[in-house]
């Protein structure tokens, strides 16, 4: 027992010393700060180096988030209808009974390492999440901003505007993923929930960026797999990504950004673009059946279009900030199919879903430490089988930064499900209520 205590004490001292060593310079080059300072930062900035490289620097950071949920939900099911075998509601399951209480606290651990001049590493681990109470690695990457780590001045003119990212990482499709909550990292998101059709995936690949005088261009290639393996080699083809945009601070008050992105997978065993976030949604157990659990039904409140074999998705994002006013928008169209979707002639049948979002905020107070805002989000399209459906969500929120690393949010959410068939638990479904969220990120 004494040896165990001694070993634990030694490990603790080494951990503290490691953190102390790495934290003497918290800011790294070409790096998005995980605090209030990182809000409205999209791609990592280019050429923000302020000091000469004088050795490896390790930045240990992380985040935690906790919500108190007060949401009610309902659908077309009733006890009277369920008792009647002739009723069209007979096959619809009753909803899970939910009340007002705290959700599971979530936590992230981030390691960011300046390996050399122009060479940086990022690694994020989910310490706890809705789907996985145990720690697991979300992903990481190497970022290359110049080639001085190979030879000083190598391809200096070419690399002046070029950034390369390589890893098993969050793919840069659209701009919404820069504003969404990534498990416990929720300080960039002014609201509690993410998009209804939440585009987010982590795949092994590489991305090449060009940034110059406000112009942004990116091309990327990934292996199209969320779960990595070497089996079934003929069932998945690479995914292609691209982005083109313009982001400019016009004057001291006005900033304008507009980007367009595309993600394409021609063949896959399972397309994960709208199902890859294993951390889980923020609205716990809404529109779930009586047997549901928070971990196994971790995507509640979101919508999966059911594309499994192929998908082509396009997203356009405008962003305007004028003084304290802020607007962020999203138009997205996604076309795809499941492997089994064919017509009577054996031809593949593609389906389409469209998503719109408009988000308006006003940030006020000293250093914009407070904000109020609203968001409208709608999704519409055709389910497998031919049913046209839509989902609408409205959010109203208030936020207060206690420090640049601590944020408190209060949100009202209302979501309705339209035209889902009898027998589908989402038929005449809706939920609404308040959610309070506290976030720490450093």
Protein backbone atom coordinates (compact mmCIF):
# COMPACT_ATOMS: atom_id res chain seq x y z
CA UNK A 1 0.00 0.00 0.00
CA UNK A 2 2.86 2.34 0.84
CA UNK A 3 4.54 1.61 -2.51
CA UNK A 4 1.27 2.32 -4.31
CA UNK A 5 0.90 5.67 -2.53
CA UNK A 6 4.49 6.57 -3.36
CA UNK A 7 3.98 5.68 -7.03
CA UNK A 8 0.76 7.67 -7.25
CA UNK A 9 2.46 10.65 -5.59
CA UNK A 10 5.33 10.46 -8.09
CA UNK A 11 2.96 10.23 -11.06
CA UNK A 12 0.98 13.21 -9.73
CA UNK A 13 4.13 15.30 -9.31
CA UNK A 14 5.28 14.44 -12.83
CA UNK A 15 1.85 15.35 -14.22
CA UNK A 16 1.86 18.72 -12.45
CA UNK A 17 5.40 19.43 -13.62
CA UNK A 18 4.47 18.49 -17.19
CA UNK A 19 1.47 20.80 -17.16
CA UNK A 20 3.48 23.60 -15.58
CA UNK A 21 6.19 23.19 -18.21
CA UNK A 22 3.70 23.22 -21.07
CA UNK A 23 1.58 26.09 -19.84
CA UNK A 24 4.30 28.74 -19.61
CA UNK A 25 3.15 29.82 -23.06
CA UNK A 26 -0.53 29.02 -23.44
CA UNK A 27 -1.04 30.46 -26.92
CA UNK A 28 0.32 28.45 -29.82
CA UNK A 29 0.95 29.58 -33.37
CA UNK A 30 -1.91 29.41 -35.89
CA UNK A 31 -4.27 28.14 -33.22
CA UNK A 32 -7.93 28.66 -32.35
CA UNK A 33 -8.24 29.54 -28.68
CA UNK A 34 -10.64 27.24 -26.75
CA UNK A 35 -12.12 30.21 -24.88
CA UNK A 36 -14.30 33.21 -25.72
CA UNK A 37 -11.38 34.42 -27.85
CA UNK A 38 -12.05 31.53 -30.26
CA UNK A 39 -15.65 32.53 -30.99
CA UNK A 40 -16.28 33.34 -34.68
CA UNK A 41 -12.92 31.85 -35.61
CA UNK A 42 -13.43 29.28 -38.34
CA UNK A 43 -10.38 27.73 -40.00
CA UNK A 44 -7.22 28.08 -37.92
CA UNK A 45 -5.59 31.46 -38.63
CA UNK A 46 -2.50 31.61 -40.81
CA UNK A 47 0.89 33.07 -39.83
CA UNK A 48 0.20 34.21 -36.29
CA UNK A 49 3.68 33.28 -35.09
CA UNK A 50 4.96 35.81 -32.57
CA UNK A 51 8.10 34.14 -31.26
CA UNK A 52 10.91 32.00 -32.55
CA UNK A 53 10.64 28.29 -31.86
CA UNK A 54 12.76 27.43 -28.82
CA UNK A 55 11.63 23.89 -28.04
CA UNK A 56 8.58 21.67 -27.84
CA UNK A 57 5.62 23.29 -26.06
CA UNK A 58 2.73 21.22 -24.72
CA UNK A 59 -0.60 22.90 -24.03
CA UNK A 60 -2.91 20.81 -21.83
CA UNK A 61 -6.50 22.04 -21.99
CA UNK A 62 -10.03 20.78 -21.80
CA UNK A 63 -13.67 21.55 -21.26
CA UNK A 64 -16.67 20.47 -19.26
CA UNK A 65 -20.40 21.06 -19.71
CA UNK A 66 -23.50 20.37 -17.64
CA UNK A 67 -27.17 20.93 -18.49
CA UNK A 68 -30.37 21.12 -16.48
CA UNK A 69 -33.20 20.04 -18.77
CA UNK A 70 -36.87 21.05 -18.39
CA UNK A 71 -38.51 19.68 -21.55
CA UNK A 72 -41.92 18.13 -22.23
CA UNK A 73 -42.71 15.98 -25.27
CA UNK A 74 -45.74 14.37 -26.89
CA UNK A 75 -46.85 12.55 -30.05
CA UNK A 76 -49.94 11.01 -31.65
CA UNK A 77 -50.11 8.07 -29.27
CA UNK A 78 -52.79 7.90 -26.59
CA UNK A 79 -53.79 5.15 -24.20
CA UNK A 80 -57.30 5.10 -25.67
CA UNK A 81 -55.98 4.65 -29.20
CA UNK A 82 -53.51 1.98 -28.13
CA UNK A 83 -56.37 -0.01 -26.59
CA UNK A 84 -58.15 -0.09 -29.96
CA UNK A 85 -56.57 -2.57 -32.43
CA UNK A 86 -58.34 -0.84 -35.32
CA UNK A 87 -56.70 2.48 -34.53
CA UNK A 88 -53.94 3.71 -36.88
CA UNK A 89 -51.97 4.60 -33.71
CA UNK A 90 -51.89 1.00 -32.49
CA UNK A 91 -48.30 0.34 -33.57
CA UNK A 92 -46.97 3.61 -32.14
CA UNK A 93 -45.07 3.19 -28.91
CA UNK A 94 -45.72 5.40 -25.89
CA UNK A 95 -43.05 7.98 -25.19
CA UNK A 96 -40.44 7.72 -22.48
CA UNK A 97 -41.53 9.59 -19.37
CA UNK A 98 -39.07 12.43 -18.75
CA UNK A 99 -38.88 15.13 -16.10
CA UNK A 100 -36.79 18.09 -14.95
CA UNK A 101 -33.27 17.17 -13.91
CA UNK A 102 -29.56 17.29 -14.70
CA UNK A 103 -28.02 15.48 -17.65
CA UNK A 104 -24.75 13.60 -17.51
CA UNK A 105 -21.82 16.00 -17.15
CA UNK A 106 -19.50 15.78 -20.15
CA UNK A 107 -15.76 16.46 -20.31
CA UNK A 108 -12.99 16.73 -22.92
CA UNK A 109 -9.21 16.58 -22.63
CA UNK A 110 -7.15 18.42 -25.27
CA UNK A 111 -3.45 18.11 -25.99
CA UNK A 112 -1.96 20.69 -28.37
CA UNK A 113 1.74 20.48 -29.02
CA UNK A 114 4.03 22.88 -30.91
CA UNK A 115 6.46 20.28 -32.25
CA UNK A 116 8.56 22.68 -34.30
CA UNK A 117 8.32 25.93 -36.21
CA UNK A 118 5.36 25.35 -38.52
CA UNK A 119 4.44 21.93 -37.12
CA UNK A 120 1.65 21.49 -34.57
CA UNK A 121 -0.32 18.52 -33.24
CA UNK A 122 -3.86 18.38 -31.81
CA UNK A 123 -5.50 15.48 -29.96
CA UNK A 124 -8.95 15.47 -28.33
CA UNK A 125 -10.22 12.79 -25.95
CA UNK A 126 -13.79 12.59 -24.72
CA UNK A 127 -13.42 11.81 -21.02
CA UNK A 128 -17.18 11.33 -20.65
CA UNK A 129 -20.01 11.71 -23.12
CA UNK A 130 -23.65 10.76 -23.46
CA UNK A 131 -22.88 7.70 -25.58
CA UNK A 132 -19.60 6.71 -23.94
CA UNK A 133 -19.26 7.24 -20.17
CA UNK A 134 -15.70 5.91 -20.51
CA UNK A 135 -12.89 7.93 -22.15
CA UNK A 136 -12.17 7.45 -25.86
CA UNK A 137 -10.23 9.40 -28.46
CA UNK A 138 -12.32 11.60 -30.75
CA UNK A 139 -9.46 12.27 -33.15
CA UNK A 140 -6.39 14.33 -33.88
CA UNK A 141 -4.21 15.77 -36.61
CA UNK A 142 -0.86 17.25 -37.58
CA UNK A 143 -0.98 20.83 -38.92
CA UNK A 144 1.82 22.05 -41.19
CA UNK A 145 2.16 25.83 -41.77
CA UNK A 146 5.69 25.92 -43.11
CA UNK A 147 8.54 23.50 -43.83
CA UNK A 148 11.19 25.01 -41.57
CA UNK A 149 11.22 21.82 -39.52
CA UNK A 150 12.76 20.16 -42.60
CA UNK A 151 14.98 23.03 -43.71
CA UNK A 152 14.85 26.74 -42.95
CA UNK A 153 13.18 28.61 -45.77
CA UNK A 154 12.19 25.49 -47.71
CA UNK A 155 9.42 26.42 -50.21
CA UNK A 156 8.93 29.61 -48.22
CA UNK A 157 7.03 31.49 -50.92
CA UNK A 158 4.74 28.53 -51.62
CA UNK A 159 3.96 27.88 -47.95
CA UNK A 160 3.25 31.55 -47.21
CA UNK A 161 -0.47 30.97 -47.83
CA UNK A 162 -0.67 27.16 -47.50
CA UNK A 163 -1.73 25.00 -44.55
CA UNK A 164 -1.87 21.20 -44.55
CA UNK A 165 -3.77 19.05 -42.04
CA UNK A 166 -3.38 15.27 -41.86
CA UNK A 167 -4.96 12.89 -39.38
CA UNK A 168 -8.02 10.98 -38.16
CA UNK A 169 -9.88 14.21 -37.71
CA UNK A 170 -13.04 16.27 -37.93
CA UNK A 171 -13.59 16.93 -41.62
CA UNK A 172 -14.02 20.55 -42.71
CA UNK A 173 -17.40 20.32 -44.40
CA UNK A 174 -19.37 23.56 -44.06
CA UNK A 175 -19.01 26.26 -41.40
CA UNK A 176 -21.64 25.01 -38.95
CA UNK A 177 -19.22 22.51 -37.41
CA UNK A 178 -17.11 25.45 -36.18
CA UNK A 179 -20.11 26.74 -34.16
CA UNK A 180 -21.52 23.43 -32.91
CA UNK A 181 -20.95 21.87 -29.51
CA UNK A 182 -18.30 19.13 -29.66
CA UNK A 183 -19.24 17.10 -26.60
CA UNK A 184 -18.07 19.32 -23.70
CA UNK A 185 -16.54 22.00 -25.95
CA UNK A 186 -19.70 24.13 -26.13
CA UNK A 187 -18.31 27.63 -25.64
CA UNK A 188 -18.38 28.42 -29.39
CA UNK A 189 -22.08 27.51 -29.64
CA UNK A 190 -24.38 30.37 -28.54
CA UNK A 191 -27.24 27.87 -28.12
CA UNK A 192 -27.48 24.48 -26.42
CA UNK A 193 -28.36 22.20 -29.34
CA UNK A 194 -26.67 21.63 -32.70
CA UNK A 195 -28.41 21.49 -36.08
CA UNK A 196 -31.32 19.08 -36.59
CA UNK A 197 -29.46 17.32 -39.41
CA UNK A 198 -26.06 17.57 -37.76
CA UNK A 199 -23.24 17.28 -40.33
CA UNK A 200 -20.16 16.05 -38.49
CA UNK A 201 -17.76 13.18 -39.15
CA UNK A 202 -14.22 12.10 -38.29
CA UNK A 203 -12.35 10.23 -41.01
CA UNK A 204 -8.70 9.56 -41.84
CA UNK A 205 -7.48 11.94 -44.51
CA UNK A 206 -5.80 15.16 -45.42
CA UNK A 207 -6.83 18.73 -46.24
CA UNK A 208 -4.88 21.44 -48.08
CA UNK A 209 -5.78 25.11 -47.46
CA UNK A 210 -5.00 28.31 -49.30
CA UNK A 211 -5.64 31.59 -47.45
CA UNK A 212 -4.78 34.99 -48.92
CA UNK A 213 -6.32 38.45 -48.51
CA UNK A 214 -9.63 37.05 -47.26
CA UNK A 215 -9.91 34.25 -49.82
CA UNK A 216 -10.14 30.69 -48.50
CA UNK A 217 -9.91 27.51 -50.56
CA UNK A 218 -9.67 23.94 -49.33
CA UNK A 219 -9.51 20.52 -50.98
CA UNK A 220 -9.53 17.32 -48.98
CA UNK A 221 -9.59 13.55 -49.31
CA UNK A 222 -10.54 10.99 -46.66
CA UNK A 223 -10.94 7.22 -46.64
CA UNK A 224 -14.71 7.52 -46.02
CA UNK A 225 -14.64 5.45 -42.82
CA UNK A 226 -15.58 6.42 -39.28
CA UNK A 227 -14.45 3.11 -37.77
CA UNK A 228 -11.10 2.20 -39.23
CA UNK A 229 -10.39 -1.32 -40.49
CA UNK A 230 -8.66 -3.13 -43.36
CA UNK A 231 -11.44 -5.62 -44.10
CA UNK A 232 -14.09 -5.30 -46.86
CA UNK A 233 -11.68 -3.38 -49.11
CA UNK A 234 -14.08 -3.09 -52.09
CA UNK A 235 -17.06 -1.66 -50.22
CA UNK A 236 -15.91 1.91 -49.49
CA UNK A 237 -14.46 4.56 -51.77
CA UNK A 238 -12.70 7.77 -50.70
CA UNK A 239 -14.68 10.84 -49.72
CA UNK A 240 -13.94 14.14 -51.45
CA UNK A 241 -14.25 17.51 -49.71
CA UNK A 242 -13.88 21.06 -50.98
CA UNK A 243 -14.57 24.57 -49.71
CA UNK A 244 -14.34 28.01 -51.29
CA UNK A 245 -15.05 31.28 -49.54
CA UNK A 246 -14.22 34.86 -48.65
CA UNK A 247 -13.80 36.25 -45.14
CA UNK A 248 -12.91 39.91 -44.68
CA UNK A 249 -12.91 42.52 -41.92
CA UNK A 250 -14.24 45.38 -44.04
CA UNK A 251 -13.73 48.00 -41.32
CA UNK A 252 -13.57 48.16 -37.55
CA UNK A 253 -17.33 47.40 -37.28
CA UNK A 254 -18.13 45.14 -40.24
CA UNK A 255 -16.97 41.61 -41.02
CA UNK A 256 -18.41 39.54 -43.88
CA UNK A 257 -17.85 35.86 -44.63
CA UNK A 258 -19.40 33.60 -47.28
CA UNK A 259 -18.40 30.00 -47.96
CA UNK A 260 -19.62 27.05 -50.00
CA UNK A 261 -18.67 23.44 -49.24
CA UNK A 262 -19.18 20.02 -50.78
CA UNK A 263 -18.82 16.48 -49.39
CA UNK A 264 -19.12 13.45 -51.69
CA UNK A 265 -18.93 9.73 -51.04
CA UNK A 266 -19.58 7.56 -54.10
CA UNK A 267 -19.71 4.22 -52.27
CA UNK A 268 -19.63 3.25 -48.62
CA UNK A 269 -20.64 0.43 -46.31
CA UNK A 270 -22.24 3.16 -44.19
CA UNK A 271 -22.18 6.93 -44.70
CA UNK A 272 -21.70 8.60 -41.31
CA UNK A 273 -21.95 12.28 -42.25
CA UNK A 274 -25.15 12.75 -40.19
CA UNK A 275 -24.59 10.02 -37.59
CA UNK A 276 -20.89 10.20 -36.70
CA UNK A 277 -21.15 12.31 -33.53
CA UNK A 278 -20.89 9.57 -30.93
CA UNK A 279 -20.88 12.14 -28.13
CA UNK A 280 -24.67 12.51 -28.45
CA UNK A 281 -27.30 15.22 -28.72
CA UNK A 282 -28.16 17.82 -26.09
CA UNK A 283 -31.91 17.14 -25.81
CA UNK A 284 -32.03 13.96 -23.79
CA UNK A 285 -34.68 11.27 -24.50
CA UNK A 286 -37.06 13.51 -26.45
CA UNK A 287 -39.40 11.60 -28.79
CA UNK A 288 -37.97 8.26 -27.66
CA UNK A 289 -39.98 5.17 -26.70
CA UNK A 290 -40.61 3.89 -23.20
CA UNK A 291 -37.70 1.40 -23.38
CA UNK A 292 -35.11 3.99 -24.47
CA UNK A 293 -31.92 4.78 -22.54
CA UNK A 294 -29.91 7.99 -22.69
CA UNK A 295 -26.76 6.23 -23.93
CA UNK A 296 -28.27 3.89 -26.55
CA UNK A 297 -30.66 6.58 -27.86
CA UNK A 298 -27.99 9.26 -27.84
CA UNK A 299 -29.12 11.02 -31.04
CA UNK A 300 -32.54 12.10 -29.73
CA UNK A 301 -33.70 15.44 -31.09
CA UNK A 302 -31.65 15.05 -34.26
CA UNK A 303 -32.62 13.63 -37.65
CA UNK A 304 -30.79 11.04 -39.75
CA UNK A 305 -31.86 11.06 -43.45
CA UNK A 306 -30.88 7.39 -43.73
CA UNK A 307 -28.20 7.70 -46.41
CA UNK A 308 -25.99 4.61 -46.13
CA UNK A 309 -24.44 3.84 -49.50
CA UNK A 310 -23.65 7.21 -51.05
CA UNK A 311 -24.19 10.90 -50.44
CA UNK A 312 -23.48 14.27 -52.05
CA UNK A 313 -23.96 17.19 -49.67
CA UNK A 314 -23.56 20.90 -50.37
CA UNK A 315 -23.61 23.62 -47.71
CA UNK A 316 -23.55 27.41 -48.09
CA UNK A 317 -22.88 29.59 -45.03
CA UNK A 318 -23.14 33.39 -44.84
CA UNK A 319 -21.81 35.17 -41.76
CA UNK A 320 -22.07 38.90 -40.98
CA UNK A 321 -20.95 40.73 -37.86
CA UNK A 322 -21.65 44.44 -37.53
CA UNK A 323 -20.78 45.85 -34.14
CA UNK A 324 -22.61 43.68 -31.63
CA UNK A 325 -25.04 42.25 -34.21
CA UNK A 326 -24.25 38.83 -35.63
CA UNK A 327 -25.94 36.73 -38.32
CA UNK A 328 -25.06 33.18 -39.29
CA UNK A 329 -26.97 31.23 -41.92
CA UNK A 330 -26.97 27.78 -43.48
CA UNK A 331 -28.44 26.33 -46.64
CA UNK A 332 -27.75 22.63 -47.13
CA UNK A 333 -28.91 20.08 -49.65
CA UNK A 334 -28.01 16.39 -49.35
CA UNK A 335 -28.77 13.65 -51.87
CA UNK A 336 -28.16 9.96 -51.26
CA UNK A 337 -29.62 6.53 -50.72
CA UNK A 338 -29.35 3.37 -48.71
CA UNK A 339 -27.84 0.26 -50.29
CA UNK A 340 -31.28 -1.35 -50.70
CA UNK A 341 -33.09 1.57 -52.38
CA UNK A 342 -33.84 0.50 -55.97
CA UNK A 343 -36.89 0.87 -58.21
CA UNK A 344 -38.72 -1.93 -60.02
CA UNK A 345 -36.21 -1.77 -62.87
CA UNK A 346 -33.27 -2.21 -60.54
CA UNK A 347 -32.15 1.40 -60.86
CA UNK A 348 -30.80 3.20 -57.78
CA UNK A 349 -33.28 5.58 -56.18
CA UNK A 350 -31.83 8.78 -54.75
CA UNK A 351 -33.60 10.90 -52.14
CA UNK A 352 -33.00 14.50 -51.17
CA UNK A 353 -33.18 16.51 -47.96
CA UNK A 354 -32.87 20.27 -47.59
CA UNK A 355 -31.90 22.11 -44.42
CA UNK A 356 -32.18 25.83 -43.67
CA UNK A 357 -30.95 27.73 -40.63
CA UNK A 358 -30.95 31.40 -39.68
CA UNK A 359 -29.29 32.57 -36.49
CA UNK A 360 -29.31 36.16 -35.20
CA UNK A 361 -27.51 37.38 -32.06
CA UNK A 362 -26.78 40.64 -30.37
CA UNK A 363 -23.71 40.72 -28.11
CA UNK A 364 -23.64 43.55 -25.61
CA UNK A 365 -21.99 44.67 -22.40
CA UNK A 366 -18.34 45.23 -21.65
CA UNK A 367 -16.32 43.20 -24.16
CA UNK A 368 -19.58 41.61 -25.41
CA UNK A 369 -19.86 39.44 -22.32
CA UNK A 370 -23.63 39.01 -22.74
CA UNK A 371 -25.81 38.06 -25.69
CA UNK A 372 -29.39 37.34 -26.67
CA UNK A 373 -30.46 35.61 -29.84
CA UNK A 374 -32.73 33.36 -31.80
CA UNK A 375 -32.32 30.52 -34.26
CA UNK A 376 -34.72 28.95 -36.77
CA UNK A 377 -33.87 25.53 -38.23
CA UNK A 378 -35.93 23.43 -40.63
CA UNK A 379 -35.33 20.15 -42.47
CA UNK A 380 -37.53 18.68 -45.22
CA UNK A 381 -37.29 15.76 -47.62
CA UNK A 382 -38.33 12.24 -48.54
CA UNK A 383 -37.97 9.24 -46.26
CA UNK A 384 -37.15 5.77 -47.59
CA UNK A 385 -40.52 4.53 -48.81
CA UNK A 386 -41.61 7.85 -50.30
CA UNK A 387 -43.10 9.84 -47.40
CA UNK A 388 -42.36 13.58 -47.49
CA UNK A 389 -41.70 14.95 -43.99
CA UNK A 390 -40.37 18.07 -42.32
CA UNK A 391 -39.04 19.11 -38.91
CA UNK A 392 -39.02 22.66 -37.54
CA UNK A 393 -37.12 24.01 -34.54
CA UNK A 394 -37.08 27.43 -32.88
CA UNK A 395 -34.51 28.45 -30.25
CA UNK A 396 -34.33 31.57 -28.10
CA UNK A 397 -31.32 32.01 -25.88
CA UNK A 398 -29.40 34.20 -23.46
CA UNK A 399 -25.75 33.83 -22.56
CA UNK A 400 -23.37 35.37 -20.04
CA UNK A 401 -19.58 34.99 -19.92
CA UNK A 402 -18.51 34.89 -16.28
CA UNK A 403 -14.91 34.91 -17.50
CA UNK A 404 -13.48 34.27 -20.95
CA UNK A 405 -13.36 30.57 -19.98
CA UNK A 406 -16.80 30.19 -18.34
CA UNK A 407 -20.18 30.59 -20.05
CA UNK A 408 -23.74 30.19 -18.75
CA UNK A 409 -26.62 29.74 -21.23
CA UNK A 410 -30.38 29.63 -20.88
CA UNK A 411 -32.36 28.43 -23.90
CA UNK A 412 -35.97 27.86 -24.87
CA UNK A 413 -36.43 25.21 -27.59
CA UNK A 414 -39.52 24.12 -29.51
CA UNK A 415 -39.40 21.39 -32.17
CA UNK A 416 -42.23 19.89 -34.24
CA UNK A 417 -42.34 16.84 -36.53
CA UNK A 418 -44.66 17.10 -39.54
CA UNK A 419 -46.25 14.41 -41.77
CA UNK A 420 -44.58 11.36 -40.23
CA UNK A 421 -46.77 8.30 -40.77
CA UNK A 422 -48.98 6.66 -38.12
CA UNK A 423 -46.94 3.95 -36.44
CA UNK A 424 -43.83 6.19 -36.45
CA UNK A 425 -43.09 7.46 -32.96
CA UNK A 426 -42.46 10.91 -34.48
CA UNK A 427 -46.03 11.13 -35.81
CA UNK A 428 -47.50 14.42 -34.57
CA UNK A 429 -44.41 14.66 -32.38
CA UNK A 430 -43.19 17.77 -30.64
CA UNK A 431 -41.11 18.83 -27.67
CA UNK A 432 -40.49 22.15 -25.99
CA UNK A 433 -39.04 23.61 -22.83
CA UNK A 434 -36.03 25.22 -21.18
CA UNK A 435 -32.44 24.05 -20.95
CA UNK A 436 -29.74 25.64 -18.82
CA UNK A 437 -26.11 24.88 -19.69
CA UNK A 438 -22.88 25.77 -17.92
CA UNK A 439 -19.62 25.49 -19.89
CA UNK A 440 -15.98 25.73 -18.86
CA UNK A 441 -13.30 25.67 -21.53
CA UNK A 442 -9.59 26.41 -21.22
